[in-house]
Amino acid sequence: MRPDLKVYTQAESAEVWANDLVKADAVNFEGWDCGIGLESLEITADGTLYRGTCKVGGPIGHVDDEVWNLPKEFITCTVSKCTCVADLKSTRRKK
């Protein structure tokens, strides 16, 4: 089985497991542009839609809404740790 993330720097790339990033505490992307909500969504038990489990950017709708206000652009991360493996798989760009 192959690692579930590919990490790129200007000099190289590497395949890593998202859980390994969490264990190494290498999950601070505060201030980075994040693709959360463009590549996946979080739906809470009450039906509220968020970009991800981090809830950065606030709610974006509810499953019962006729029209959802889905994100169209990256958002700047405002949390100090991204600890959800599903959220970690979103594309990130350092500013």
N, C-alpha and C. Protein backbone atom coordinates (compact mmCIF):
# COMPACT_ATOMS: atom_id res chain seq x y z
N MET A 1 0.84 -1.18 0.00
CA MET A 1 0.00 0.00 0.00
C MET A 1 0.89 1.25 0.00
N ARG A 2 0.52 2.20 -0.83
CA ARG A 2 1.32 3.44 -0.95
C ARG A 2 0.88 4.47 0.08
N PRO A 3 1.81 5.33 0.51
CA PRO A 3 1.43 6.43 1.41
C PRO A 3 0.31 7.27 0.81
N ASP A 4 -0.45 7.93 1.66
CA ASP A 4 -1.65 8.62 1.21
C ASP A 4 -1.47 10.11 0.91
N LEU A 5 -0.28 10.65 1.07
CA LEU A 5 -0.02 12.06 0.76
C LEU A 5 1.26 12.21 -0.03
N LYS A 6 1.31 13.22 -0.87
CA LYS A 6 2.55 13.58 -1.54
C LYS A 6 2.87 15.01 -1.11
N VAL A 7 4.06 15.21 -0.59
CA VAL A 7 4.50 16.52 -0.09
C VAL A 7 5.56 17.05 -1.05
N TYR A 8 5.38 18.30 -1.47
CA TYR A 8 6.31 18.94 -2.40
C TYR A 8 6.98 20.12 -1.73
N THR A 9 8.27 20.27 -1.95
CA THR A 9 8.98 21.49 -1.60
C THR A 9 9.58 22.01 -2.90
N GLN A 10 10.24 23.11 -2.85
CA GLN A 10 10.86 23.62 -4.07
C GLN A 10 11.95 22.69 -4.57
N ALA A 11 12.56 21.92 -3.67
CA ALA A 11 13.69 21.08 -4.04
C ALA A 11 13.33 19.62 -4.29
N GLU A 12 12.27 19.13 -3.65
CA GLU A 12 11.99 17.69 -3.75
C GLU A 12 10.54 17.38 -3.45
N SER A 13 10.19 16.10 -3.57
CA SER A 13 8.87 15.63 -3.18
C SER A 13 9.04 14.31 -2.43
N ALA A 14 8.06 13.99 -1.61
CA ALA A 14 8.12 12.75 -0.85
C ALA A 14 6.70 12.25 -0.62
N GLU A 15 6.55 10.93 -0.57
CA GLU A 15 5.27 10.34 -0.22
C GLU A 15 5.30 10.00 1.26
N VAL A 16 4.25 10.40 1.97
CA VAL A 16 4.19 10.20 3.42
C VAL A 16 2.78 9.73 3.81
N TRP A 17 2.68 9.17 4.99
CA TRP A 17 1.39 8.83 5.57
C TRP A 17 0.91 10.01 6.40
N ALA A 18 -0.36 10.39 6.23
CA ALA A 18 -0.92 11.50 6.99
C ALA A 18 -0.79 11.27 8.49
N ASN A 19 -1.02 10.04 8.95
CA ASN A 19 -0.89 9.74 10.39
C ASN A 19 0.52 10.01 10.89
N ASP A 20 1.53 9.80 10.06
CA ASP A 20 2.90 10.08 10.47
C ASP A 20 3.13 11.56 10.70
N LEU A 21 2.47 12.41 9.91
CA LEU A 21 2.57 13.85 10.13
C LEU A 21 1.95 14.23 11.47
N VAL A 22 0.81 13.61 11.79
CA VAL A 22 0.15 13.88 13.07
C VAL A 22 1.05 13.44 14.22
N LYS A 23 1.59 12.23 14.13
CA LYS A 23 2.45 11.71 15.20
C LYS A 23 3.71 12.57 15.39
N ALA A 24 4.24 13.12 14.29
CA ALA A 24 5.45 13.95 14.35
C ALA A 24 5.13 15.40 14.70
N ASP A 25 3.85 15.71 14.89
CA ASP A 25 3.40 17.07 15.19
C ASP A 25 3.84 18.05 14.09
N ALA A 26 3.82 17.57 12.84
CA ALA A 26 4.18 18.40 11.68
C ALA A 26 2.91 18.83 10.95
N VAL A 27 1.98 19.40 11.73
CA VAL A 27 0.66 19.69 11.18
C VAL A 27 0.22 21.14 11.41
N ASN A 28 1.17 22.06 11.54
CA ASN A 28 0.84 23.46 11.71
C ASN A 28 0.89 24.15 10.35
N PHE A 29 -0.29 24.45 9.80
CA PHE A 29 -0.39 25.12 8.50
C PHE A 29 -1.06 26.48 8.64
N GLU A 30 -1.05 27.01 9.85
CA GLU A 30 -1.66 28.32 10.09
C GLU A 30 -1.02 29.35 9.17
N GLY A 31 -1.86 30.12 8.48
CA GLY A 31 -1.38 31.13 7.55
C GLY A 31 -1.20 30.63 6.13
N TRP A 32 -1.27 29.32 5.92
CA TRP A 32 -1.15 28.75 4.58
C TRP A 32 -2.49 28.82 3.86
N ASP A 33 -2.47 28.81 2.53
CA ASP A 33 -3.69 28.64 1.75
C ASP A 33 -4.06 27.16 1.78
N CYS A 34 -5.34 26.88 2.01
CA CYS A 34 -5.79 25.50 2.15
C CYS A 34 -6.96 25.23 1.22
N GLY A 35 -6.95 24.07 0.60
CA GLY A 35 -8.02 23.67 -0.31
C GLY A 35 -9.17 22.97 0.36
N ILE A 36 -9.23 23.05 1.69
CA ILE A 36 -10.31 22.41 2.42
C ILE A 36 -11.65 22.96 1.92
N GLY A 37 -12.57 22.07 1.67
CA GLY A 37 -13.88 22.47 1.15
C GLY A 37 -13.95 22.43 -0.36
N LEU A 38 -12.81 22.46 -1.02
CA LEU A 38 -12.79 22.32 -2.48
C LEU A 38 -12.70 20.86 -2.87
N GLU A 39 -12.07 20.07 -2.02
CA GLU A 39 -11.81 18.66 -2.33
C GLU A 39 -12.61 17.71 -1.45
N SER A 40 -13.17 18.21 -0.37
CA SER A 40 -13.99 17.40 0.53
C SER A 40 -14.81 18.34 1.40
N LEU A 41 -15.81 17.80 2.07
CA LEU A 41 -16.66 18.58 2.97
C LEU A 41 -16.87 17.82 4.26
N GLU A 42 -17.24 18.52 5.30
CA GLU A 42 -17.63 17.93 6.58
C GLU A 42 -19.12 18.18 6.76
N ILE A 43 -19.86 17.14 7.06
CA ILE A 43 -21.28 17.27 7.39
C ILE A 43 -21.44 16.80 8.83
N THR A 44 -21.87 17.69 9.71
CA THR A 44 -22.02 17.33 11.12
C THR A 44 -23.31 16.55 11.33
N ALA A 45 -23.48 16.00 12.53
CA ALA A 45 -24.64 15.19 12.85
C ALA A 45 -25.96 15.95 12.68
N ASP A 46 -25.93 17.28 12.85
CA ASP A 46 -27.16 18.05 12.69
C ASP A 46 -27.38 18.52 11.25
N GLY A 47 -26.47 18.12 10.32
CA GLY A 47 -26.65 18.45 8.91
C GLY A 47 -25.96 19.71 8.44
N THR A 48 -25.20 20.37 9.31
CA THR A 48 -24.49 21.58 8.92
C THR A 48 -23.26 21.21 8.08
N LEU A 49 -23.04 21.96 7.01
CA LEU A 49 -21.89 21.74 6.14
C LEU A 49 -20.77 22.71 6.49
N TYR A 50 -19.55 22.17 6.57
CA TYR A 50 -18.35 22.95 6.79
C TYR A 50 -17.32 22.53 5.75
N ARG A 51 -16.30 23.36 5.58
CA ARG A 51 -15.20 23.00 4.68
C ARG A 51 -14.52 21.73 5.16
N GLY A 52 -14.33 21.58 6.47
CA GLY A 52 -13.66 20.42 7.04
C GLY A 52 -13.95 20.32 8.52
N THR A 53 -13.38 19.34 9.17
CA THR A 53 -13.62 19.16 10.61
C THR A 53 -13.07 20.33 11.42
N CYS A 54 -12.11 21.06 10.85
CA CYS A 54 -11.53 22.24 11.52
C CYS A 54 -12.54 23.39 11.60
N LYS A 55 -13.54 23.37 10.73
CA LYS A 55 -14.59 24.40 10.66
C LYS A 55 -14.06 25.79 10.31
N VAL A 56 -12.86 25.86 9.72
CA VAL A 56 -12.30 27.14 9.28
C VAL A 56 -13.26 27.76 8.26
N GLY A 57 -13.55 29.02 8.42
CA GLY A 57 -14.44 29.72 7.52
C GLY A 57 -15.91 29.67 7.92
N GLY A 58 -16.22 28.90 8.97
CA GLY A 58 -17.60 28.82 9.45
C GLY A 58 -18.47 27.93 8.59
N PRO A 59 -19.75 27.84 8.93
CA PRO A 59 -20.66 26.98 8.18
C PRO A 59 -20.88 27.51 6.76
N ILE A 60 -21.04 26.58 5.83
CA ILE A 60 -21.28 26.96 4.43
C ILE A 60 -22.66 26.53 3.94
N GLY A 61 -23.44 25.96 4.82
CA GLY A 61 -24.79 25.55 4.45
C GLY A 61 -25.31 24.45 5.34
N HIS A 62 -26.44 23.90 4.94
CA HIS A 62 -27.08 22.81 5.65
C HIS A 62 -27.63 21.85 4.60
N VAL A 63 -27.64 20.56 4.92
CA VAL A 63 -28.09 19.58 3.94
C VAL A 63 -29.52 19.83 3.47
N ASP A 64 -30.33 20.50 4.28
CA ASP A 64 -31.73 20.78 3.91
C ASP A 64 -31.89 22.04 3.07
N ASP A 65 -30.82 22.83 2.92
CA ASP A 65 -30.90 24.05 2.11
C ASP A 65 -31.11 23.69 0.65
N GLU A 66 -31.88 24.50 -0.05
CA GLU A 66 -32.09 24.26 -1.48
C GLU A 66 -30.83 24.58 -2.28
N VAL A 67 -30.08 25.59 -1.83
CA VAL A 67 -28.84 25.98 -2.50
C VAL A 67 -27.73 26.00 -1.47
N TRP A 68 -26.63 25.35 -1.81
CA TRP A 68 -25.46 25.36 -0.92
C TRP A 68 -24.47 26.39 -1.44
N ASN A 69 -23.82 27.10 -0.53
CA ASN A 69 -22.82 28.11 -0.87
C ASN A 69 -21.44 27.45 -0.82
N LEU A 70 -21.17 26.56 -1.78
CA LEU A 70 -19.92 25.81 -1.76
C LEU A 70 -18.72 26.70 -2.07
N PRO A 71 -17.60 26.46 -1.41
CA PRO A 71 -16.39 27.27 -1.64
C PRO A 71 -15.90 27.14 -3.08
N LYS A 72 -15.31 28.21 -3.57
CA LYS A 72 -14.75 28.22 -4.92
C LYS A 72 -13.27 28.55 -4.92
N GLU A 73 -12.74 28.93 -3.75
CA GLU A 73 -11.34 29.34 -3.64
C GLU A 73 -10.70 28.76 -2.39
N PHE A 74 -9.39 28.73 -2.39
CA PHE A 74 -8.65 28.34 -1.20
C PHE A 74 -8.97 29.32 -0.07
N ILE A 75 -8.78 28.87 1.16
CA ILE A 75 -8.99 29.71 2.33
C ILE A 75 -7.69 29.72 3.13
N THR A 76 -7.42 30.82 3.83
CA THR A 76 -6.25 30.89 4.68
C THR A 76 -6.54 30.15 5.98
N CYS A 77 -5.68 29.21 6.34
CA CYS A 77 -5.85 28.42 7.55
C CYS A 77 -5.69 29.32 8.78
N THR A 78 -6.59 29.15 9.74
CA THR A 78 -6.56 29.96 10.96
C THR A 78 -6.39 29.11 12.22
N VAL A 79 -6.13 27.82 12.06
CA VAL A 79 -5.93 26.96 13.23
C VAL A 79 -4.47 26.56 13.34
N SER A 80 -4.02 26.29 14.57
CA SER A 80 -2.60 26.00 14.77
C SER A 80 -2.24 24.54 14.48
N LYS A 81 -3.24 23.63 14.48
CA LYS A 81 -2.96 22.23 14.19
C LYS A 81 -4.06 21.62 13.35
N CYS A 82 -3.67 20.92 12.32
CA CYS A 82 -4.60 20.17 11.47
C CYS A 82 -4.42 18.70 11.85
N THR A 83 -5.34 18.18 12.64
CA THR A 83 -5.16 16.82 13.16
C THR A 83 -6.11 15.80 12.57
N CYS A 84 -6.99 16.20 11.67
CA CYS A 84 -7.90 15.26 11.02
C CYS A 84 -7.22 14.76 9.74
N VAL A 85 -7.06 13.45 9.63
CA VAL A 85 -6.38 12.89 8.45
C VAL A 85 -7.11 13.27 7.17
N ALA A 86 -8.43 13.27 7.18
CA ALA A 86 -9.18 13.66 5.98
C ALA A 86 -8.89 15.11 5.60
N ASP A 87 -8.82 16.00 6.58
CA ASP A 87 -8.49 17.41 6.32
C ASP A 87 -7.05 17.55 5.84
N LEU A 88 -6.15 16.76 6.40
CA LEU A 88 -4.73 16.84 6.02
C LEU A 88 -4.52 16.52 4.54
N LYS A 89 -5.42 15.77 3.96
CA LYS A 89 -5.26 15.37 2.55
C LYS A 89 -5.62 16.50 1.58
N SER A 90 -6.13 17.61 2.09
CA SER A 90 -6.43 18.75 1.22
C SER A 90 -5.14 19.44 0.77
N THR A 91 -5.17 19.98 -0.41
CA THR A 91 -4.02 20.69 -0.95
C THR A 91 -3.72 21.93 -0.12
N ARG A 92 -2.45 22.18 0.10
CA ARG A 92 -2.01 23.37 0.83
C ARG A 92 -0.90 24.07 0.07
N ARG A 93 -0.88 25.38 0.19
CA ARG A 93 0.18 26.19 -0.44
C ARG A 93 0.69 27.19 0.58
N LYS A 94 1.99 27.15 0.80
CA LYS A 94 2.60 28.12 1.72
C LYS A 94 2.64 29.47 1.04
N LYS A 95 2.21 30.52 1.75
CA LYS A 95 2.20 31.87 1.19
C LYS A 95 3.59 32.45 1.16
